[in-house]
């Protein structure tokens, strides 16, 4: 029953990482914000975007781990 939830969290994590990478090459997403901050040497914003991406990935991993333990 929780298998679709785990797959959804995995897909969300994948989409988050992909949006950062795709945005850097000019297609929008979180990477676009990151690239704009890098281009203007706005290092506090760069740090905040990177920390936000990291926090969301770690949160997704934690939720996924918790759900896997509950299933097994």
PDB file of N, CA and C in Angstrom:
ATOM      1  N   UNK A   1       0.820  -1.202   0.000  1.00  0.00           N
ATOM      2  CA  UNK A   1       0.000   0.000   0.000  1.00  0.00           C
ATOM      3  C   UNK A   1       0.862   1.263   0.000  1.00  0.00           C
ATOM      4  N   UNK A   2       1.969   1.275   0.746  1.00  0.00           N
ATOM      5  CA  UNK A   2       2.803   2.465   0.802  1.00  0.00           C
ATOM      6  C   UNK A   2       3.817   2.526  -0.326  1.00  0.00           C
ATOM      7  N   UNK A   3       3.866   1.482  -1.152  1.00  0.00           N
ATOM      8  CA  UNK A   3       4.819   1.485  -2.256  1.00  0.00           C
ATOM      9  C   UNK A   3       4.641   2.701  -3.164  1.00  0.00           C
ATOM     10  N   UNK A   4       3.422   3.078  -3.558  1.00  0.00           N
ATOM     11  CA  UNK A   4       3.270   4.287  -4.381  1.00  0.00           C
ATOM     12  C   UNK A   4       3.763   5.549  -3.679  1.00  0.00           C
ATOM     13  N   UNK A   5       3.659   5.595  -2.359  1.00  0.00           N
ATOM     14  CA  UNK A   5       4.151   6.760  -1.615  1.00  0.00           C
ATOM     15  C   UNK A   5       5.669   6.839  -1.731  1.00  0.00           C
ATOM     16  N   UNK A   6       6.345   5.712  -1.564  1.00  0.00           N
ATOM     17  CA  UNK A   6       7.800   5.677  -1.693  1.00  0.00           C
ATOM     18  C   UNK A   6       8.250   6.061  -3.090  1.00  0.00           C
ATOM     19  N   UNK A   7       7.543   5.571  -4.088  1.00  0.00           N
ATOM     20  CA  UNK A   7       7.865   5.921  -5.468  1.00  0.00           C
ATOM     21  C   UNK A   7       7.626   7.406  -5.730  1.00  0.00           C
ATOM     22  N   UNK A   8       6.584   7.940  -5.135  1.00  0.00           N
ATOM     23  CA  UNK A   8       6.299   9.368  -5.287  1.00  0.00           C
ATOM     24  C   UNK A   8       7.377  10.232  -4.666  1.00  0.00           C
ATOM     25  N   UNK A   9       7.854   9.837  -3.494  1.00  0.00           N
ATOM     26  CA  UNK A   9       8.922  10.588  -2.840  1.00  0.00           C
ATOM     27  C   UNK A   9      10.202  10.504  -3.657  1.00  0.00           C
ATOM     28  N   UNK A  10      10.487   9.319  -4.191  1.00  0.00           N
ATOM     29  CA  UNK A  10      11.676   9.149  -5.031  1.00  0.00           C
ATOM     30  C   UNK A  10      11.577  10.028  -6.280  1.00  0.00           C
ATOM     31  N   UNK A  11      10.408  10.077  -6.883  1.00  0.00           N
ATOM     32  CA  UNK A  11      10.218  10.902  -8.082  1.00  0.00           C
ATOM     33  C   UNK A  11      10.344  12.386  -7.753  1.00  0.00           C
ATOM     34  N   UNK A  12       9.811  12.799  -6.611  1.00  0.00           N
ATOM     35  CA  UNK A  12       9.938  14.191  -6.179  1.00  0.00           C
ATOM     36  C   UNK A  12      11.412  14.566  -5.995  1.00  0.00           C
ATOM     37  N   UNK A  13      12.162  13.677  -5.364  1.00  0.00           N
ATOM     38  CA  UNK A  13      13.595  13.899  -5.172  1.00  0.00           C
ATOM     39  C   UNK A  13      14.314  13.998  -6.513  1.00  0.00           C
ATOM     40  N   UNK A  14      13.972  13.119  -7.411  1.00  0.00           N
ATOM     41  CA  UNK A  14      14.580  13.129  -8.749  1.00  0.00           C
ATOM     42  C   UNK A  14      14.244  14.417  -9.498  1.00  0.00           C
ATOM     43  N   UNK A  15      13.000  14.843  -9.407  1.00  0.00           N
ATOM     44  CA  UNK A  15      12.582  16.079 -10.081  1.00  0.00           C
ATOM     45  C   UNK A  15      13.286  17.300  -9.503  1.00  0.00           C
ATOM     46  N   UNK A  16      13.485  17.315  -8.191  1.00  0.00           N
ATOM     47  CA  UNK A  16      14.181  18.432  -7.555  1.00  0.00           C
ATOM     48  C   UNK A  16      15.612  18.537  -8.061  1.00  0.00           C
ATOM     49  N   UNK A  17      16.303  17.408  -8.091  1.00  0.00           N
ATOM     50  CA  UNK A  17      17.686  17.411  -8.568  1.00  0.00           C
ATOM     51  C   UNK A  17      17.754  17.776 -10.043  1.00  0.00           C
ATOM     52  N   UNK A  18      16.825  17.251 -10.825  1.00  0.00           N
ATOM     53  CA  UNK A  18      16.824  17.543 -12.261  1.00  0.00           C
ATOM     54  C   UNK A  18      16.533  19.015 -12.525  1.00  0.00           C
ATOM     55  N   UNK A  19      15.641  19.623 -11.741  1.00  0.00           N
ATOM     56  CA  UNK A  19      15.321  21.032 -11.967  1.00  0.00           C
ATOM     57  C   UNK A  19      16.523  21.922 -11.698  1.00  0.00           C
ATOM     58  N   UNK A  20      17.366  21.515 -10.757  1.00  0.00           N
ATOM     59  CA  UNK A  20      18.576  22.291 -10.481  1.00  0.00           C
ATOM     60  C   UNK A  20      19.555  22.177 -11.643  1.00  0.00           C
ATOM     61  N   UNK A  21      19.731  20.980 -12.169  1.00  0.00           N
ATOM     62  CA  UNK A  21      20.680  20.763 -13.262  1.00  0.00           C
ATOM     63  C   UNK A  21      20.177  21.383 -14.562  1.00  0.00           C
ATOM     64  N   UNK A  22      18.919  21.160 -14.871  1.00  0.00           N
ATOM     65  CA  UNK A  22      18.353  21.673 -16.125  1.00  0.00           C
ATOM     66  C   UNK A  22      18.317  23.196 -16.124  1.00  0.00           C
ATOM     67  N   UNK A  23      18.063  23.800 -14.986  1.00  0.00           N
ATOM     68  CA  UNK A  23      18.022  25.262 -14.908  1.00  0.00           C
ATOM     69  C   UNK A  23      19.370  25.905 -15.155  1.00  0.00           C
ATOM     70  N   UNK A  24      20.420  25.230 -14.775  1.00  0.00           N
ATOM     71  CA  UNK A  24      21.757  25.796 -14.981  1.00  0.00           C
ATOM     72  C   UNK A  24      22.069  25.906 -16.467  1.00  0.00           C
ATOM     73  N   UNK A  25      21.542  24.988 -17.271  1.00  0.00           N
ATOM     74  CA  UNK A  25      21.788  25.050 -18.715  1.00  0.00           C
ATOM     75  C   UNK A  25      20.766  25.929 -19.434  1.00  0.00           C
ATOM     76  N   UNK A  26      19.868  26.559 -18.705  1.00  0.00           N
ATOM     77  CA  UNK A  26      18.992  27.563 -19.301  1.00  0.00           C
ATOM     78  C   UNK A  26      17.551  27.174 -19.534  1.00  0.00           C
ATOM     79  N   UNK A  27      17.069  26.120 -18.900  1.00  0.00           N
ATOM     80  CA  UNK A  27      15.692  25.687 -19.155  1.00  0.00           C
ATOM     81  C   UNK A  27      14.729  26.004 -18.016  1.00  0.00           C
ATOM     82  N   UNK A  28      15.135  26.776 -17.048  1.00  0.00           N
ATOM     83  CA  UNK A  28      14.249  27.135 -15.950  1.00  0.00           C
ATOM     84  C   UNK A  28      14.450  26.251 -14.736  1.00  0.00           C
ATOM     85  N   UNK A  29      13.580  26.367 -13.767  1.00  0.00           N
ATOM     86  CA  UNK A  29      13.691  25.575 -12.559  1.00  0.00           C
ATOM     87  C   UNK A  29      14.580  26.238 -11.517  1.00  0.00           C
ATOM     88  N   UNK A  30      14.911  25.463 -10.503  1.00  0.00           N
ATOM     89  CA  UNK A  30      15.745  25.994  -9.419  1.00  0.00           C
ATOM     90  C   UNK A  30      17.126  26.399  -9.903  1.00  0.00           C
ATOM     91  N   UNK A  31      17.629  25.695 -10.894  1.00  0.00           N
ATOM     92  CA  UNK A  31      18.950  26.011 -11.415  1.00  0.00           C
ATOM     93  C   UNK A  31      19.022  27.389 -12.042  1.00  0.00           C
ATOM     94  N   UNK A  32      17.899  27.864 -12.564  1.00  0.00           N
ATOM     95  CA  UNK A  32      17.869  29.197 -13.163  1.00  0.00           C
ATOM     96  C   UNK A  32      18.099  30.264 -12.083  1.00  0.00           C
ATOM     97  N   UNK A  33      17.479  30.070 -10.943  1.00  0.00           N
ATOM     98  CA  UNK A  33      17.686  30.985  -9.819  1.00  0.00           C
ATOM     99  C   UNK A  33      19.136  30.896  -9.352  1.00  0.00           C
ATOM    100  N   UNK A  34      19.638  29.667  -9.262  1.00  0.00           N
ATOM    101  CA  UNK A  34      21.022  29.460  -8.844  1.00  0.00           C
ATOM    102  C   UNK A  34      22.002  30.099  -9.821  1.00  0.00           C
ATOM    103  N   UNK A  35      21.783  29.899 -11.104  1.00  0.00           N
ATOM    104  CA  UNK A  35      22.686  30.463 -12.110  1.00  0.00           C
ATOM    105  C   UNK A  35      22.639  31.987 -12.099  1.00  0.00           C
ATOM    106  N   UNK A  36      21.452  32.566 -11.921  1.00  0.00           N
ATOM    107  CA  UNK A  36      21.336  34.021 -11.842  1.00  0.00           C
ATOM    108  C   UNK A  36      22.103  34.587 -10.658  1.00  0.00           C
ATOM    109  N   UNK A  37      22.037  33.896  -9.528  1.00  0.00           N
ATOM    110  CA  UNK A  37      22.763  34.350  -8.344  1.00  0.00           C
ATOM    111  C   UNK A  37      24.271  34.220  -8.550  1.00  0.00           C
ATOM    112  N   UNK A  38      24.695  33.153  -9.207  1.00  0.00           N
ATOM    113  CA  UNK A  38      26.125  32.980  -9.481  1.00  0.00           C
ATOM    114  C   UNK A  38      26.612  34.059 -10.444  1.00  0.00           C
ATOM    115  N   UNK A  39      25.832  34.345 -11.471  1.00  0.00           N
ATOM    116  CA  UNK A  39      26.225  35.346 -12.468  1.00  0.00           C
ATOM    117  C   UNK A  39      26.386  36.742 -11.863  1.00  0.00           C
ATOM    118  N   UNK A  40      25.592  37.050 -10.839  1.00  0.00           N
ATOM    119  CA  UNK A  40      25.666  38.375 -10.209  1.00  0.00           C
ATOM    120  C   UNK A  40      26.539  38.373  -8.950  1.00  0.00           C
ATOM    121  N   UNK A  41      27.229  37.268  -8.717  1.00  0.00           N
ATOM    122  CA  UNK A  41      28.106  37.126  -7.548  1.00  0.00           C
ATOM    123  C   UNK A  41      27.364  37.376  -6.240  1.00  0.00           C
ATOM    124  N   UNK A  42      26.113  36.967  -6.201  1.00  0.00           N
ATOM    125  CA  UNK A  42      25.298  37.112  -4.999  1.00  0.00           C
ATOM    126  C   UNK A  42      25.460  35.842  -4.163  1.00  0.00           C
ATOM    127  N   UNK A  43      26.593  35.727  -3.467  1.00  0.00           N
ATOM    128  CA  UNK A  43      26.951  34.502  -2.779  1.00  0.00           C
ATOM    129  C   UNK A  43      25.993  34.134  -1.647  1.00  0.00           C
ATOM    130  N   UNK A  44      25.420  35.087  -0.918  1.00  0.00           N
ATOM    131  CA  UNK A  44      24.435  34.676   0.088  1.00  0.00           C
ATOM    132  C   UNK A  44      23.216  33.972  -0.541  1.00  0.00           C
ATOM    133  N   UNK A  45      22.776  34.457  -1.694  1.00  0.00           N
ATOM    134  CA  UNK A  45      21.645  33.806  -2.365  1.00  0.00           C
ATOM    135  C   UNK A  45      22.045  32.436  -2.898  1.00  0.00           C
ATOM    136  N   UNK A  46      23.265  32.329  -3.439  1.00  0.00           N
ATOM    137  CA  UNK A  46      23.762  31.029  -3.914  1.00  0.00           C
ATOM    138  C   UNK A  46      23.758  30.032  -2.762  1.00  0.00           C
ATOM    139  N   UNK A  47      24.264  30.457  -1.628  1.00  0.00           N
ATOM    140  CA  UNK A  47      24.307  29.584  -0.451  1.00  0.00           C
ATOM    141  C   UNK A  47      22.902  29.164  -0.037  1.00  0.00           C
ATOM    142  N   UNK A  48      21.979  30.107  -0.050  1.00  0.00           N
ATOM    143  CA  UNK A  48      20.616  29.793   0.374  1.00  0.00           C
ATOM    144  C   UNK A  48      19.946  28.812  -0.580  1.00  0.00           C
ATOM    145  N   UNK A  49      20.134  29.001  -1.884  1.00  0.00           N
ATOM    146  CA  UNK A  49      19.541  28.080  -2.858  1.00  0.00           C
ATOM    147  C   UNK A  49      20.137  26.683  -2.694  1.00  0.00           C
ATOM    148  N   UNK A  50      21.460  26.604  -2.551  1.00  0.00           N
ATOM    149  CA  UNK A  50      22.105  25.294  -2.379  1.00  0.00           C
ATOM    150  C   UNK A  50      21.669  24.617  -1.082  1.00  0.00           C
ATOM    151  N   UNK A  51      21.570  25.397  -0.006  1.00  0.00           N
ATOM    152  CA  UNK A  51      21.112  24.826   1.255  1.00  0.00           C
ATOM    153  C   UNK A  51      19.657  24.370   1.179  1.00  0.00           C
ATOM    154  N   UNK A  52      18.837  25.103   0.447  1.00  0.00           N
ATOM    155  CA  UNK A  52      17.441  24.712   0.272  1.00  0.00           C
ATOM    156  C   UNK A  52      17.342  23.408  -0.510  1.00  0.00           C
ATOM    157  N   UNK A  53      18.101  23.299  -1.588  1.00  0.00           N
ATOM    158  CA  UNK A  53      18.106  22.061  -2.369  1.00  0.00           C
ATOM    159  C   UNK A  53      18.580  20.904  -1.492  1.00  0.00           C
ATOM    160  N   UNK A  54      19.663  21.118  -0.763  1.00  0.00           N
ATOM    161  CA  UNK A  54      20.194  20.076   0.118  1.00  0.00           C
ATOM    162  C   UNK A  54      19.172  19.678   1.179  1.00  0.00           C
ATOM    163  N   UNK A  55      18.529  20.653   1.795  1.00  0.00           N
ATOM    164  CA  UNK A  55      17.544  20.360   2.837  1.00  0.00           C
ATOM    165  C   UNK A  55      16.367  19.565   2.279  1.00  0.00           C
ATOM    166  N   UNK A  56      15.898  19.925   1.101  1.00  0.00           N
ATOM    167  CA  UNK A  56      14.779  19.194   0.502  1.00  0.00           C
ATOM    168  C   UNK A  56      15.169  17.762   0.144  1.00  0.00           C
ATOM    169  N   UNK A  57      16.374  17.573  -0.345  1.00  0.00           N
ATOM    170  CA  UNK A  57      16.838  16.221  -0.684  1.00  0.00           C
ATOM    171  C   UNK A  57      16.984  15.381   0.587  1.00  0.00           C
ATOM    172  N   UNK A  58      17.592  15.955   1.624  1.00  0.00           N
ATOM    173  CA  UNK A  58      17.767  15.222   2.881  1.00  0.00           C
ATOM    174  C   UNK A  58      16.406  14.910   3.505  1.00  0.00           C
ATOM    175  N   UNK A  59      15.486  15.841   3.456  1.00  0.00           N
ATOM    176  CA  UNK A  59      14.142  15.612   3.987  1.00  0.00           C
ATOM    177  C   UNK A  59      13.454  14.472   3.237  1.00  0.00           C
ATOM    178  N   UNK A  60      13.550  14.490   1.914  1.00  0.00           N
ATOM    179  CA  UNK A  60      12.953  13.422   1.109  1.00  0.00           C
ATOM    180  C   UNK A  60      13.564  12.069   1.418  1.00  0.00           C
ATOM    181  N   UNK A  61      14.881  12.037   1.608  1.00  0.00           N
ATOM    182  CA  UNK A  61      15.555  10.784   1.961  1.00  0.00           C
ATOM    183  C   UNK A  61      15.096  10.295   3.340  1.00  0.00           C
ATOM    184  N   UNK A  62      14.942  11.222   4.274  1.00  0.00           N
ATOM    185  CA  UNK A  62      14.489  10.844   5.615  1.00  0.00           C
ATOM    186  C   UNK A  62      13.081  10.279   5.609  1.00  0.00           C
ATOM    187  N   UNK A  63      12.195  10.916   4.895  1.00  0.00           N
ATOM    188  CA  UNK A  63      10.811  10.430   4.797  1.00  0.00           C
ATOM    189  C   UNK A  63      10.784   9.067   4.112  1.00  0.00           C
ATOM    190  N   UNK A  64      11.543   8.920   3.049  1.00  0.00           N
ATOM    191  CA  UNK A  64      11.607   7.657   2.323  1.00  0.00           C
ATOM    192  C   UNK A  64      12.145   6.547   3.236  1.00  0.00           C
ATOM    193  N   UNK A  65      13.195   6.833   3.980  1.00  0.00           N
ATOM    194  CA  UNK A  65      13.767   5.851   4.907  1.00  0.00           C
ATOM    195  C   UNK A  65      12.770   5.461   5.976  1.00  0.00           C
ATOM    196  N   UNK A  66      12.092   6.436   6.530  1.00  0.00           N
ATOM    197  CA  UNK A  66      11.082   6.173   7.555  1.00  0.00           C
ATOM    198  C   UNK A  66       9.977   5.280   7.019  1.00  0.00           C
ATOM    199  N   UNK A  67       9.495   5.582   5.834  1.00  0.00           N
ATOM    200  CA  UNK A  67       8.414   4.790   5.254  1.00  0.00           C
ATOM    201  C   UNK A  67       8.872   3.368   4.920  1.00  0.00           C
ATOM    202  N   UNK A  68      10.120   3.215   4.471  1.00  0.00           N
ATOM    203  CA  UNK A  68      10.638   1.882   4.166  1.00  0.00           C
ATOM    204  C   UNK A  68      10.708   1.049   5.449  1.00  0.00           C
ATOM    205  N   UNK A  69      11.126   1.655   6.558  1.00  0.00           N
ATOM    206  CA  UNK A  69      11.193   0.927   7.831  1.00  0.00           C
ATOM    207  C   UNK A  69       9.804   0.519   8.297  1.00  0.00           C
ATOM    208  N   UNK A  70       8.818   1.387   8.079  1.00  0.00           N
ATOM    209  CA  UNK A  70       7.442   1.072   8.478  1.00  0.00           C
ATOM    210  C   UNK A  70       6.871  -0.067   7.636  1.00  0.00           C
ATOM    211  N   UNK A  71       7.242  -0.120   6.369  1.00  0.00           N
ATOM    212  CA  UNK A  71       6.721  -1.163   5.479  1.00  0.00           C
ATOM    213  C   UNK A  71       7.331  -2.515   5.857  1.00  0.00           C
ATOM    214  N   UNK A  72       8.628  -2.517   6.116  1.00  0.00           N
ATOM    215  CA  UNK A  72       9.320  -3.768   6.411  1.00  0.00           C
ATOM    216  C   UNK A  72       9.212  -4.019   7.882  1.00  0.00           C
TER     217      UNK A  72
END
